[in-house]
Amino acid sequence: MQDVEPTIYTSRISKARSQPCVYFRRMSLTLRFLGTSASRPTVERNVSSIALVREGETLMFDCGEGTQRQMMRYGISFALSDIFFTHMHADHMLGVTGLLRTLALQGRTEPMNLYGPPGSEKMLWRAITLGSEKQAFEIKVFEITPETPLKRNGYSVIPFTVEHGDRLAVGYLIAEETRLGRFNPDLAREMGIPEGPLWGKIHKGETVSLPDGRTVKPSELVGPTRPGRRIVLTGDSRPSESTITAATGADILIHEATFASEEAPRALETGHSTAREAAEVAAKASAKKLVLTHVSARYSRDTPELEREAREVFPATIVARDGLEVDVPFESTGAAD
């Protein structure tokens, strides 16, 4: 999916210099929680999987048992090409076998890319070939290197190491590139700059010469650059400095919260986090919003305890449920993005 540049629409109404009429096409970015239960499914919750949809492109993070049915239930397209795994525990990867079989039955021909931490390739190929050694379409498996960005069109996926007992596990930072500043079309008209290619050149940072001999610098018509959005997913993890670093200033931190604080010793023993510990990570990172997931079956129907203890530390917290959709807007700057 091609990245979409901001679209500048012309205005028929003359505006003052101090009130430019600038409109930008919004670039959608949403998260859909397909499974939010820890270790095993419950009546209310499936095991781990999250779909990130950016301008029609879908990235999947973990693919627990039954994920393909959750995709159908919650409207996630099967036309995805990339699945990222945080680690190789069964509740995070068993669903890929059934999903690949279904895609083959549907006549898929496009390649599928699977990404996992170092040492995951052998396990992923076992899942791929389980029940069928013949592949109807190309499947590629990549062992990713923590802290090495996977550069995409307009954003990067950056894996980072997390602490999950003796199991090698990674989290992921999805970081959009810095956006161009806003172009002021009304001021451009006042300056007598004709609409067309010159506007595009100026917006992209070029100094242009006009037919009458004047020179126009980008700083005269284009505002400061604006940050892209940042989303962090931890997968299964203890609170860690690497997560705090990755999530610094993040728009959304998705952190596991398997237990409440009363089970803190159990969380430590199993390499998981409590809701309060997740909130402490969000607070230290100065994240804008915290979404808790991967909750123990004991909290499947009733999560207020997790939410309460997290909000005591970090008020901007919610507990995800299966099917939850979270829109990730650009940071508001007081004008249309």
C-alpha atoms as a PDB file:
ATOM      1  CA  MET A   1       0.000   0.000   0.000  1.00  0.00           C
ATOM      2  CA  GLN A   2       1.485   3.329  -1.050  1.00  0.00           C
ATOM      3  CA  ASP A   3       1.895   6.008   1.568  1.00  0.00           C
ATOM      4  CA  VAL A   4      -0.483   8.903   1.112  1.00  0.00           C
ATOM      5  CA  GLU A   5       0.946  12.394   1.011  1.00  0.00           C
ATOM      6  CA  PRO A   6      -1.030  15.166   2.662  1.00  0.00           C
ATOM      7  CA  THR A   7      -3.554  16.543   0.166  1.00  0.00           C
ATOM      8  CA  ILE A   8      -3.941  20.277  -0.111  1.00  0.00           C
ATOM      9  CA  TYR A   9      -7.460  21.314  -1.108  1.00  0.00           C
ATOM     10  CA  THR A  10      -8.024  24.788  -2.501  1.00  0.00           C
ATOM     11  CA  SER A  11     -10.453  27.128  -0.817  1.00  0.00           C
ATOM     12  CA  ARG A  12     -12.908  29.401  -2.612  1.00  0.00           C
ATOM     13  CA  ILE A  13     -13.023  31.712   0.397  1.00  0.00           C
ATOM     14  CA  SER A  14     -10.224  34.186   0.945  1.00  0.00           C
ATOM     15  CA  LYS A  15      -8.639  33.817   4.358  1.00  0.00           C
ATOM     16  CA  ALA A  16      -6.443  36.114   6.395  1.00  0.00           C
ATOM     17  CA  ARG A  17      -2.748  35.360   6.728  1.00  0.00           C
ATOM     18  CA  SER A  18      -3.249  34.339  10.352  1.00  0.00           C
ATOM     19  CA  GLN A  19      -5.972  31.810   9.451  1.00  0.00           C
ATOM     20  CA  PRO A  20      -4.703  29.667   6.584  1.00  0.00           C
ATOM     21  CA  CYS A  21      -7.169  27.228   5.010  1.00  0.00           C
ATOM     22  CA  VAL A  22      -5.094  24.050   5.069  1.00  0.00           C
ATOM     23  CA  TYR A  23      -6.596  20.589   4.846  1.00  0.00           C
ATOM     24  CA  PHE A  24      -4.714  17.296   5.042  1.00  0.00           C
ATOM     25  CA  ARG A  25      -6.070  13.905   4.166  1.00  0.00           C
ATOM     26  CA  ARG A  26      -6.057  11.845   7.328  1.00  0.00           C
ATOM     27  CA  MET A  27      -3.884   8.737   7.260  1.00  0.00           C
ATOM     28  CA  SER A  28      -5.764   6.005   9.100  1.00  0.00           C
ATOM     29  CA  LEU A  29      -4.093   3.823  11.700  1.00  0.00           C
ATOM     30  CA  THR A  30      -6.117   1.443  13.855  1.00  0.00           C
ATOM     31  CA  LEU A  31      -5.509  -1.485  16.170  1.00  0.00           C
ATOM     32  CA  ARG A  32      -7.888  -4.434  16.436  1.00  0.00           C
ATOM     33  CA  PHE A  33      -7.465  -6.798  19.365  1.00  0.00           C
ATOM     34  CA  LEU A  34      -8.229 -10.308  18.111  1.00  0.00           C
ATOM     35  CA  GLY A  35      -7.191 -12.167  21.259  1.00  0.00           C
ATOM     36  CA  THR A  36      -6.542 -10.847  24.758  1.00  0.00           C
ATOM     37  CA  SER A  37      -6.350 -13.941  26.965  1.00  0.00           C
ATOM     38  CA  ALA A  38      -3.186 -15.309  28.548  1.00  0.00           C
ATOM     39  CA  SER A  39      -2.117 -18.921  27.917  1.00  0.00           C
ATOM     40  CA  ARG A  40      -5.527 -20.364  26.989  1.00  0.00           C
ATOM     41  CA  PRO A  41      -8.809 -19.217  25.469  1.00  0.00           C
ATOM     42  CA  THR A  42     -11.860 -18.536  27.620  1.00  0.00           C
ATOM     43  CA  VAL A  43     -15.514 -18.090  26.744  1.00  0.00           C
ATOM     44  CA  GLU A  44     -14.965 -14.337  26.505  1.00  0.00           C
ATOM     45  CA  ARG A  45     -11.431 -14.160  25.149  1.00  0.00           C
ATOM     46  CA  ASN A  46      -9.234 -15.821  22.562  1.00  0.00           C
ATOM     47  CA  VAL A  47      -5.465 -16.160  22.863  1.00  0.00           C
ATOM     48  CA  SER A  48      -3.017 -13.532  21.659  1.00  0.00           C
ATOM     49  CA  SER A  49      -3.230 -11.656  18.387  1.00  0.00           C
ATOM     50  CA  ILE A  50      -3.362  -8.009  17.379  1.00  0.00           C
ATOM     51  CA  ALA A  51      -3.993  -6.589  13.908  1.00  0.00           C
ATOM     52  CA  LEU A  52      -2.594  -3.187  12.998  1.00  0.00           C
ATOM     53  CA  VAL A  53      -4.191  -1.603   9.925  1.00  0.00           C
ATOM     54  CA  ARG A  54      -2.476   1.395   8.358  1.00  0.00           C
ATOM     55  CA  GLU A  55      -3.983   2.867   5.207  1.00  0.00           C
ATOM     56  CA  GLY A  56      -5.370  -0.525   4.212  1.00  0.00           C
ATOM     57  CA  GLU A  57      -2.175  -2.459   4.928  1.00  0.00           C
ATOM     58  CA  THR A  58      -2.549  -5.065   7.674  1.00  0.00           C
ATOM     59  CA  LEU A  59       0.232  -6.230   9.972  1.00  0.00           C
ATOM     60  CA  MET A  60      -0.463  -9.041  12.434  1.00  0.00           C
ATOM     61  CA  PHE A  61       1.356  -9.432  15.733  1.00  0.00           C
ATOM     62  CA  ASP A  62       1.154 -12.992  17.117  1.00  0.00           C
ATOM     63  CA  CYS A  63      -1.301 -15.545  15.831  1.00  0.00           C
ATOM     64  CA  GLY A  64      -2.692 -17.725  18.588  1.00  0.00           C
ATOM     65  CA  GLU A  65      -5.032 -20.661  18.111  1.00  0.00           C
ATOM     66  CA  GLY A  66      -8.298 -19.603  16.456  1.00  0.00           C
ATOM     67  CA  THR A  67      -7.023 -16.266  15.158  1.00  0.00           C
ATOM     68  CA  GLN A  68      -8.455 -16.826  11.682  1.00  0.00           C
ATOM     69  CA  ARG A  69     -11.964 -17.073  13.114  1.00  0.00           C
ATOM     70  CA  GLN A  70     -11.394 -13.882  15.082  1.00  0.00           C
ATOM     71  CA  MET A  71     -10.333 -12.173  11.850  1.00  0.00           C
ATOM     72  CA  MET A  72     -13.626 -13.143  10.234  1.00  0.00           C
ATOM     73  CA  ARG A  73     -15.588 -12.150  13.293  1.00  0.00           C
ATOM     74  CA  TYR A  74     -14.035  -8.698  13.596  1.00  0.00           C
ATOM     75  CA  GLY A  75     -13.590  -7.778   9.949  1.00  0.00           C
ATOM     76  CA  ILE A  76      -9.840  -8.172   9.438  1.00  0.00           C
ATOM     77  CA  SER A  77      -8.938  -8.922   5.824  1.00  0.00           C
ATOM     78  CA  PHE A  78      -7.144 -12.149   4.907  1.00  0.00           C
ATOM     79  CA  ALA A  79      -5.159 -10.084   2.382  1.00  0.00           C
ATOM     80  CA  LEU A  80      -2.310  -9.539   4.811  1.00  0.00           C
ATOM     81  CA  SER A  81       1.304 -10.348   3.947  1.00  0.00           C
ATOM     82  CA  ASP A  82       3.193  -9.949   7.227  1.00  0.00           C
ATOM     83  CA  ILE A  83       2.878 -11.739  10.586  1.00  0.00           C
ATOM     84  CA  PHE A  84       5.242 -10.815  13.413  1.00  0.00           C
ATOM     85  CA  PHE A  85       5.759 -13.154  16.364  1.00  0.00           C
ATOM     86  CA  THR A  86       6.950 -12.011  19.765  1.00  0.00           C
ATOM     87  CA  HIS A  87       8.067 -15.484  20.853  1.00  0.00           C
ATOM     88  CA  MET A  88       7.379 -19.148  20.231  1.00  0.00           C
ATOM     89  CA  HIS A  89       4.992 -20.084  23.040  1.00  0.00           C
ATOM     90  CA  ALA A  90       2.004 -22.026  21.718  1.00  0.00           C
ATOM     91  CA  ASP A  91      -0.633 -19.451  22.659  1.00  0.00           C
ATOM     92  CA  HIS A  92       1.111 -16.920  20.415  1.00  0.00           C
ATOM     93  CA  MET A  93       1.777 -18.972  17.271  1.00  0.00           C
ATOM     94  CA  LEU A  94      -0.364 -22.109  16.893  1.00  0.00           C
ATOM     95  CA  GLY A  95      -2.996 -20.262  14.886  1.00  0.00           C
ATOM     96  CA  VAL A  96      -0.691 -19.696  11.949  1.00  0.00           C
ATOM     97  CA  THR A  97      -1.098 -23.323  10.805  1.00  0.00           C
ATOM     98  CA  GLY A  98      -4.851 -23.049  10.308  1.00  0.00           C
ATOM     99  CA  LEU A  99      -4.629 -19.545   8.841  1.00  0.00           C
ATOM    100  CA  LEU A 100      -2.143 -20.673   6.181  1.00  0.00           C
ATOM    101  CA  ARG A 101      -4.301 -23.694   5.325  1.00  0.00           C
ATOM    102  CA  THR A 102      -7.338 -21.467   4.864  1.00  0.00           C
ATOM    103  CA  LEU A 103      -5.419 -19.033   2.661  1.00  0.00           C
ATOM    104  CA  ALA A 104      -4.320 -21.946   0.475  1.00  0.00           C
ATOM    105  CA  LEU A 105      -7.901 -23.189   0.155  1.00  0.00           C
ATOM    106  CA  GLN A 106      -8.930 -19.709  -0.949  1.00  0.00           C
ATOM    107  CA  GLY A 107      -6.434 -19.877  -3.802  1.00  0.00           C
ATOM    108  CA  ARG A 108      -3.901 -17.418  -2.470  1.00  0.00           C
ATOM    109  CA  THR A 109      -0.876 -16.842  -4.694  1.00  0.00           C
ATOM    110  CA  GLU A 110       0.797 -13.859  -2.992  1.00  0.00           C
ATOM    111  CA  PRO A 111       3.787 -14.557  -0.700  1.00  0.00           C
ATOM    112  CA  MET A 112       3.429 -14.530   3.091  1.00  0.00           C
ATOM    113  CA  ASN A 113       6.210 -13.213   5.322  1.00  0.00           C
ATOM    114  CA  LEU A 114       6.652 -14.517   8.870  1.00  0.00           C
ATOM    115  CA  TYR A 115       8.992 -12.774  11.303  1.00  0.00           C
ATOM    116  CA  GLY A 116      10.201 -14.100  14.642  1.00  0.00           C
ATOM    117  CA  PRO A 117      13.025 -13.666  17.166  1.00  0.00           C
ATOM    118  CA  PRO A 118      16.374 -15.420  16.739  1.00  0.00           C
ATOM    119  CA  GLY A 119      15.941 -19.191  16.938  1.00  0.00           C
ATOM    120  CA  SER A 120      12.306 -19.172  15.767  1.00  0.00           C
ATOM    121  CA  GLU A 121      12.742 -20.359  12.182  1.00  0.00           C
ATOM    122  CA  LYS A 122      12.705 -24.091  12.954  1.00  0.00           C
ATOM    123  CA  MET A 123       9.553 -23.844  15.064  1.00  0.00           C
ATOM    124  CA  LEU A 124       7.765 -21.718  12.479  1.00  0.00           C
ATOM    125  CA  TRP A 125       8.522 -24.184   9.704  1.00  0.00           C
ATOM    126  CA  ARG A 126       7.111 -26.972  11.860  1.00  0.00           C
ATOM    127  CA  ALA A 127       3.887 -24.997  12.128  1.00  0.00           C
ATOM    128  CA  ILE A 128       3.878 -24.203   8.409  1.00  0.00           C
ATOM    129  CA  THR A 129       4.314 -27.834   7.329  1.00  0.00           C
ATOM    130  CA  LEU A 130       2.082 -29.410   9.975  1.00  0.00           C
ATOM    131  CA  GLY A 131      -0.443 -31.531   8.101  1.00  0.00           C
ATOM    132  CA  SER A 132       0.766 -30.426   4.670  1.00  0.00           C
ATOM    133  CA  GLU A 133       4.317 -30.323   3.360  1.00  0.00           C
ATOM    134  CA  LYS A 134       3.239 -28.822   0.019  1.00  0.00           C
ATOM    135  CA  GLN A 135       2.818 -25.068   0.027  1.00  0.00           C
ATOM    136  CA  ALA A 136       0.346 -23.503  -2.391  1.00  0.00           C
ATOM    137  CA  PHE A 137       2.049 -20.098  -2.202  1.00  0.00           C
ATOM    138  CA  GLU A 138       5.467 -18.829  -1.197  1.00  0.00           C
ATOM    139  CA  ILE A 139       6.112 -18.508   2.530  1.00  0.00           C
ATOM    140  CA  LYS A 140       9.205 -16.724   3.768  1.00  0.00           C
ATOM    141  CA  VAL A 141      10.504 -16.947   7.336  1.00  0.00           C
ATOM    142  CA  PHE A 142      12.808 -14.301   8.765  1.00  0.00           C
ATOM    143  CA  GLU A 143      14.657 -14.334  12.075  1.00  0.00           C
ATOM    144  CA  ILE A 144      14.822 -10.685  13.029  1.00  0.00           C
ATOM    145  CA  THR A 145      17.645  -8.968  14.844  1.00  0.00           C
ATOM    146  CA  PRO A 146      16.621  -6.836  17.827  1.00  0.00           C
ATOM    147  CA  GLU A 147      17.168  -3.092  17.371  1.00  0.00           C
ATOM    148  CA  THR A 148      17.469  -3.523  13.584  1.00  0.00           C
ATOM    149  CA  PRO A 149      14.618  -1.623  11.868  1.00  0.00           C
ATOM    150  CA  LEU A 150      12.565  -3.232   9.135  1.00  0.00           C
ATOM    151  CA  LYS A 151      11.991  -0.223   6.906  1.00  0.00           C
ATOM    152  CA  ARG A 152       8.637  -0.009   5.161  1.00  0.00           C
ATOM    153  CA  ASN A 153       6.868   2.633   3.092  1.00  0.00           C
ATOM    154  CA  GLY A 154       6.587   5.571   5.470  1.00  0.00           C
ATOM    155  CA  TYR A 155       7.324   3.695   8.695  1.00  0.00           C
ATOM    156  CA  SER A 156       9.582   1.117  10.330  1.00  0.00           C
ATOM    157  CA  VAL A 157       8.996  -1.959  12.475  1.00  0.00           C
ATOM    158  CA  ILE A 158      11.706  -2.104  15.116  1.00  0.00           C
ATOM    159  CA  PRO A 159      12.062  -5.248  17.277  1.00  0.00           C
ATOM    160  CA  PHE A 160      13.535  -4.941  20.746  1.00  0.00           C
ATOM    161  CA  THR A 161      14.437  -7.553  23.348  1.00  0.00           C
ATOM    162  CA  VAL A 162      12.061  -8.072  26.292  1.00  0.00           C
ATOM    163  CA  GLU A 163      12.382 -10.175  29.432  1.00  0.00           C
ATOM    164  CA  HIS A 164      10.236 -13.330  29.457  1.00  0.00           C
ATOM    165  CA  GLY A 165      11.960 -15.863  31.685  1.00  0.00           C
ATOM    166  CA  ASP A 166      14.423 -18.029  29.810  1.00  0.00           C
ATOM    167  CA  ARG A 167      12.484 -17.679  26.545  1.00  0.00           C
ATOM    168  CA  LEU A 168      13.960 -15.368  23.897  1.00  0.00           C
ATOM    169  CA  ALA A 169      11.242 -12.842  23.180  1.00  0.00           C
ATOM    170  CA  VAL A 170      10.885  -9.483  21.463  1.00  0.00           C
ATOM    171  CA  GLY A 171       8.521  -6.567  21.470  1.00  0.00           C
ATOM    172  CA  TYR A 172       7.875  -4.292  18.499  1.00  0.00           C
ATOM    173  CA  LEU A 173       7.948  -0.549  17.954  1.00  0.00           C
ATOM    174  CA  ILE A 174       6.020   0.680  14.920  1.00  0.00           C
ATOM    175  CA  ALA A 175       7.372   4.143  14.157  1.00  0.00           C
ATOM    176  CA  GLU A 176       6.148   6.371  11.363  1.00  0.00           C
ATOM    177  CA  GLU A 177       8.531   8.723   9.607  1.00  0.00           C
ATOM    178  CA  THR A 178       8.497  12.418  10.425  1.00  0.00           C
ATOM    179  CA  ARG A 179       5.836  14.196   8.377  1.00  0.00           C
ATOM    180  CA  LEU A 180       6.209  17.308   6.278  1.00  0.00           C
ATOM    181  CA  GLY A 181       5.128  20.589   7.802  1.00  0.00           C
ATOM    182  CA  ARG A 182       1.849  22.186   6.766  1.00  0.00           C
ATOM    183  CA  PHE A 183       1.772  24.109   3.491  1.00  0.00           C
ATOM    184  CA  ASN A 184      -0.158  27.391   3.499  1.00  0.00           C
ATOM    185  CA  PRO A 185      -2.047  27.640   0.182  1.00  0.00           C
ATOM    186  CA  ASP A 186      -3.761  30.951   0.997  1.00  0.00           C
ATOM    187  CA  LEU A 187      -0.470  32.688   1.636  1.00  0.00           C
ATOM    188  CA  ALA A 188       0.924  31.125  -1.545  1.00  0.00           C
ATOM    189  CA  ARG A 189      -1.917  32.688  -3.531  1.00  0.00           C
ATOM    190  CA  GLU A 190      -1.366  36.050  -1.856  1.00  0.00           C
ATOM    191  CA  MET A 191       2.261  35.835  -2.938  1.00  0.00           C
ATOM    192  CA  GLY A 192       1.174  35.147  -6.513  1.00  0.00           C
ATOM    193  CA  ILE A 193       2.578  31.636  -6.696  1.00  0.00           C
ATOM    194  CA  PRO A 194       0.571  29.645  -9.261  1.00  0.00           C
ATOM    195  CA  GLU A 195      -0.986  26.372  -8.128  1.00  0.00           C
ATOM    196  CA  GLY A 196       0.669  23.277  -9.510  1.00  0.00           C
ATOM    197  CA  PRO A 197       4.152  21.748  -9.439  1.00  0.00           C
ATOM    198  CA  LEU A 198       5.715  24.740  -7.676  1.00  0.00           C
ATOM    199  CA  TRP A 199       3.517  24.159  -4.628  1.00  0.00           C
ATOM    200  CA  GLY A 200       4.663  20.546  -4.459  1.00  0.00           C
ATOM    201  CA  LYS A 201       8.336  21.507  -4.737  1.00  0.00           C
ATOM    202  CA  ILE A 202       8.061  24.088  -1.988  1.00  0.00           C
ATOM    203  CA  HIS A 203       6.191  21.662   0.277  1.00  0.00           C
ATOM    204  CA  LYS A 204       8.949  19.097  -0.185  1.00  0.00           C
ATOM    205  CA  GLY A 205      11.643  21.584   0.844  1.00  0.00           C
ATOM    206  CA  GLU A 206      12.840  23.061  -2.436  1.00  0.00           C
ATOM    207  CA  THR A 207      13.574  26.733  -2.964  1.00  0.00           C
ATOM    208  CA  VAL A 208      11.903  27.835  -6.192  1.00  0.00           C
ATOM    209  CA  SER A 209      12.295  30.754  -8.589  1.00  0.00           C
ATOM    210  CA  LEU A 210       9.183  32.464  -9.922  1.00  0.00           C
ATOM    211  CA  PRO A 211       8.745  33.808 -13.488  1.00  0.00           C
ATOM    212  CA  ASP A 212       9.022  37.390 -12.159  1.00  0.00           C
ATOM    213  CA  GLY A 213      12.457  36.668 -10.694  1.00  0.00           C
ATOM    214  CA  ARG A 214      11.460  36.274  -7.047  1.00  0.00           C
ATOM    215  CA  THR A 215      12.847  33.404  -4.984  1.00  0.00           C
ATOM    216  CA  VAL A 216      10.600  31.603  -2.493  1.00  0.00           C
ATOM    217  CA  LYS A 217      12.039  29.553   0.341  1.00  0.00           C
ATOM    218  CA  PRO A 218      10.091  26.649   1.928  1.00  0.00           C
ATOM    219  CA  SER A 219      10.259  28.360   5.327  1.00  0.00           C
ATOM    220  CA  GLU A 220       7.987  31.107   3.988  1.00  0.00           C
ATOM    221  CA  LEU A 221       5.105  28.705   3.305  1.00  0.00           C
ATOM    222  CA  VAL A 222       5.763  25.463   5.173  1.00  0.00           C
ATOM    223  CA  GLY A 223       5.515  24.977   8.916  1.00  0.00           C
ATOM    224  CA  PRO A 224       7.797  22.830  11.076  1.00  0.00           C
ATOM    225  CA  THR A 225       7.941  19.079  10.529  1.00  0.00           C
ATOM    226  CA  ARG A 226       5.543  16.961  12.589  1.00  0.00           C
ATOM    227  CA  PRO A 227       6.201  13.639  14.322  1.00  0.00           C
ATOM    228  CA  GLY A 228       4.722  10.414  13.046  1.00  0.00           C
ATOM    229  CA  ARG A 229       2.851   8.023  15.308  1.00  0.00           C
ATOM    230  CA  ARG A 230       4.553   5.443  17.529  1.00  0.00           C
ATOM    231  CA  ILE A 231       3.005   2.220  18.808  1.00  0.00           C
ATOM    232  CA  VAL A 232       4.750  -0.289  21.067  1.00  0.00           C
ATOM    233  CA  LEU A 233       3.683  -3.899  21.667  1.00  0.00           C
ATOM    234  CA  THR A 234       5.507  -5.912  24.309  1.00  0.00           C
ATOM    235  CA  GLY A 235       4.161  -9.426  23.858  1.00  0.00           C
ATOM    236  CA  ASP A 236       4.792 -11.470  27.023  1.00  0.00           C
ATOM    237  CA  SER A 237       7.220  -9.562  29.181  1.00  0.00           C
ATOM    238  CA  ARG A 238       8.407  -8.502  32.582  1.00  0.00           C
ATOM    239  CA  PRO A 239       8.768  -4.734  33.038  1.00  0.00           C
ATOM    240  CA  SER A 240      12.011  -3.831  31.295  1.00  0.00           C
ATOM    241  CA  GLU A 241      14.240  -0.890  30.507  1.00  0.00           C
ATOM    242  CA  SER A 242      14.157  -1.830  26.832  1.00  0.00           C
ATOM    243  CA  THR A 243      10.396  -1.369  26.795  1.00  0.00           C
ATOM    244  CA  ILE A 244      10.680   1.988  28.562  1.00  0.00           C
ATOM    245  CA  THR A 245      13.211   3.109  25.948  1.00  0.00           C
ATOM    246  CA  ALA A 246      11.109   1.912  23.013  1.00  0.00           C
ATOM    247  CA  ALA A 247       7.904   3.396  24.442  1.00  0.00           C
ATOM    248  CA  THR A 248       9.311   6.818  25.302  1.00  0.00           C
ATOM    249  CA  GLY A 249       6.707   9.293  24.080  1.00  0.00           C
ATOM    250  CA  ALA A 250       4.715   6.547  22.340  1.00  0.00           C
ATOM    251  CA  ASP A 251       1.150   7.271  21.300  1.00  0.00           C
ATOM    252  CA  ILE A 252       0.107   3.843  22.570  1.00  0.00           C
ATOM    253  CA  LEU A 253       1.889   1.242  24.676  1.00  0.00           C
ATOM    254  CA  ILE A 254       0.295  -2.213  24.537  1.00  0.00           C
ATOM    255  CA  HIS A 255       1.634  -4.065  27.538  1.00  0.00           C
ATOM    256  CA  GLU A 256       0.736  -7.445  28.919  1.00  0.00           C
ATOM    257  CA  ALA A 257      -0.926  -7.521  32.355  1.00  0.00           C
ATOM    258  CA  THR A 258      -1.374 -11.174  33.153  1.00  0.00           C
ATOM    259  CA  PHE A 259      -1.947 -10.649  36.873  1.00  0.00           C
ATOM    260  CA  ALA A 260      -3.095  -8.179  39.500  1.00  0.00           C
ATOM    261  CA  SER A 261      -0.613  -7.070  42.179  1.00  0.00           C
ATOM    262  CA  GLU A 262      -1.757  -9.770  44.595  1.00  0.00           C
ATOM    263  CA  GLU A 263      -0.136 -12.255  42.217  1.00  0.00           C
ATOM    264  CA  ALA A 264       3.139 -10.326  41.875  1.00  0.00           C
ATOM    265  CA  PRO A 265       5.296 -13.299  42.978  1.00  0.00           C
ATOM    266  CA  ARG A 266       3.580 -15.474  40.372  1.00  0.00           C
ATOM    267  CA  ALA A 267       4.185 -12.819  37.704  1.00  0.00           C
ATOM    268  CA  LEU A 268       7.878 -12.745  38.567  1.00  0.00           C
ATOM    269  CA  GLU A 269       8.113 -16.537  38.567  1.00  0.00           C
ATOM    270  CA  THR A 270       6.499 -16.901  35.136  1.00  0.00           C
ATOM    271  CA  GLY A 271       8.094 -13.930  33.382  1.00  0.00           C
ATOM    272  CA  HIS A 272       4.927 -11.847  33.200  1.00  0.00           C
ATOM    273  CA  SER A 273       3.759  -8.470  34.539  1.00  0.00           C
ATOM    274  CA  THR A 274       1.065  -7.160  36.826  1.00  0.00           C
ATOM    275  CA  ALA A 275      -1.233  -4.336  35.764  1.00  0.00           C
ATOM    276  CA  ARG A 276       0.521  -1.979  38.180  1.00  0.00           C
ATOM    277  CA  GLU A 277       3.945  -2.899  36.791  1.00  0.00           C
ATOM    278  CA  ALA A 278       2.731  -2.238  33.246  1.00  0.00           C
ATOM    279  CA  ALA A 279       1.419   1.152  34.369  1.00  0.00           C
ATOM    280  CA  GLU A 280       4.773   1.989  35.944  1.00  0.00           C
ATOM    281  CA  VAL A 281       6.461   1.261  32.604  1.00  0.00           C
ATOM    282  CA  ALA A 282       3.999   3.559  30.803  1.00  0.00           C
ATOM    283  CA  ALA A 283       4.573   6.320  33.351  1.00  0.00           C
ATOM    284  CA  LYS A 284       8.372   6.076  33.133  1.00  0.00           C
ATOM    285  CA  ALA A 285       8.154   6.149  29.332  1.00  0.00           C
ATOM    286  CA  SER A 286       5.752   9.118  29.300  1.00  0.00           C
ATOM    287  CA  ALA A 287       3.524   7.206  26.903  1.00  0.00           C
ATOM    288  CA  LYS A 288       0.254   8.876  25.966  1.00  0.00           C
ATOM    289  CA  LYS A 289      -1.998   5.832  26.431  1.00  0.00           C
ATOM    290  CA  LEU A 290      -1.673   2.334  27.915  1.00  0.00           C
ATOM    291  CA  VAL A 291      -3.686  -0.654  26.709  1.00  0.00           C
ATOM    292  CA  LEU A 292      -3.466  -3.792  28.847  1.00  0.00           C
ATOM    293  CA  THR A 293      -3.866  -7.231  27.310  1.00  0.00           C
ATOM    294  CA  HIS A 294      -2.917 -10.899  27.863  1.00  0.00           C
ATOM    295  CA  VAL A 295      -5.011 -11.190  31.029  1.00  0.00           C
ATOM    296  CA  SER A 296      -5.214 -14.364  33.068  1.00  0.00           C
ATOM    297  CA  ALA A 297      -8.369 -16.456  32.804  1.00  0.00           C
ATOM    298  CA  ARG A 298      -9.238 -15.507  36.386  1.00  0.00           C
ATOM    299  CA  TYR A 299      -9.922 -11.942  35.139  1.00  0.00           C
ATOM    300  CA  SER A 300     -11.553 -12.941  31.854  1.00  0.00           C
ATOM    301  CA  ARG A 301     -15.012 -11.642  32.740  1.00  0.00           C
ATOM    302  CA  ASP A 302     -14.048  -9.086  35.352  1.00  0.00           C
ATOM    303  CA  THR A 303     -11.133  -6.702  34.731  1.00  0.00           C
ATOM    304  CA  PRO A 304     -11.932  -3.685  36.985  1.00  0.00           C
ATOM    305  CA  GLU A 305      -9.257  -4.762  39.474  1.00  0.00           C
ATOM    306  CA  LEU A 306      -6.595  -4.650  36.779  1.00  0.00           C
ATOM    307  CA  GLU A 307      -7.847  -1.332  35.459  1.00  0.00           C
ATOM    308  CA  ARG A 308      -8.088   0.216  38.925  1.00  0.00           C
ATOM    309  CA  GLU A 309      -4.571  -0.632  40.048  1.00  0.00           C
ATOM    310  CA  ALA A 310      -3.088   0.484  36.717  1.00  0.00           C
ATOM    311  CA  ARG A 311      -4.962   3.807  36.756  1.00  0.00           C
ATOM    312  CA  GLU A 312      -3.659   4.580  40.225  1.00  0.00           C
ATOM    313  CA  VAL A 313      -0.247   4.869  38.574  1.00  0.00           C
ATOM    314  CA  PHE A 314      -1.149   5.802  34.973  1.00  0.00           C
ATOM    315  CA  PRO A 315      -4.691   7.191  34.521  1.00  0.00           C
ATOM    316  CA  ALA A 316      -4.760   6.895  30.721  1.00  0.00           C
ATOM    317  CA  THR A 317      -5.205   3.119  30.868  1.00  0.00           C
ATOM    318  CA  ILE A 318      -7.775   0.745  29.413  1.00  0.00           C
ATOM    319  CA  VAL A 319      -8.013  -3.047  29.464  1.00  0.00           C
ATOM    320  CA  ALA A 320      -8.495  -4.531  26.004  1.00  0.00           C
ATOM    321  CA  ARG A 321     -11.274  -6.974  25.213  1.00  0.00           C
ATOM    322  CA  ASP A 322     -11.582  -9.160  22.136  1.00  0.00           C
ATOM    323  CA  GLY A 323     -12.803  -7.075  19.204  1.00  0.00           C
ATOM    324  CA  LEU A 324     -11.712  -3.747  20.678  1.00  0.00           C
ATOM    325  CA  GLU A 325     -10.725  -1.262  17.978  1.00  0.00           C
ATOM    326  CA  VAL A 326      -8.440   1.619  18.896  1.00  0.00           C
ATOM    327  CA  ASP A 327      -7.923   4.506  16.498  1.00  0.00           C
ATOM    328  CA  VAL A 328      -4.482   6.117  16.679  1.00  0.00           C
ATOM    329  CA  PRO A 329      -4.787   9.768  15.593  1.00  0.00           C
ATOM    330  CA  PHE A 330      -1.954  12.124  14.908  1.00  0.00           C
ATOM    331  CA  GLU A 331      -0.971  14.312  17.796  1.00  0.00           C
ATOM    332  CA  SER A 332      -3.213  17.361  17.785  1.00  0.00           C
ATOM    333  CA  THR A 333      -1.514  20.639  17.044  1.00  0.00           C
ATOM    334  CA  GLY A 334      -4.616  22.792  17.059  1.00  0.00           C
ATOM    335  CA  ALA A 335      -5.306  22.513  13.326  1.00  0.00           C
ATOM    336  CA  ALA A 336      -6.451  19.831  10.923  1.00  0.00           C
ATOM    337  CA  ASP A 337      -3.945  17.021  10.428  1.00  0.00           C
END
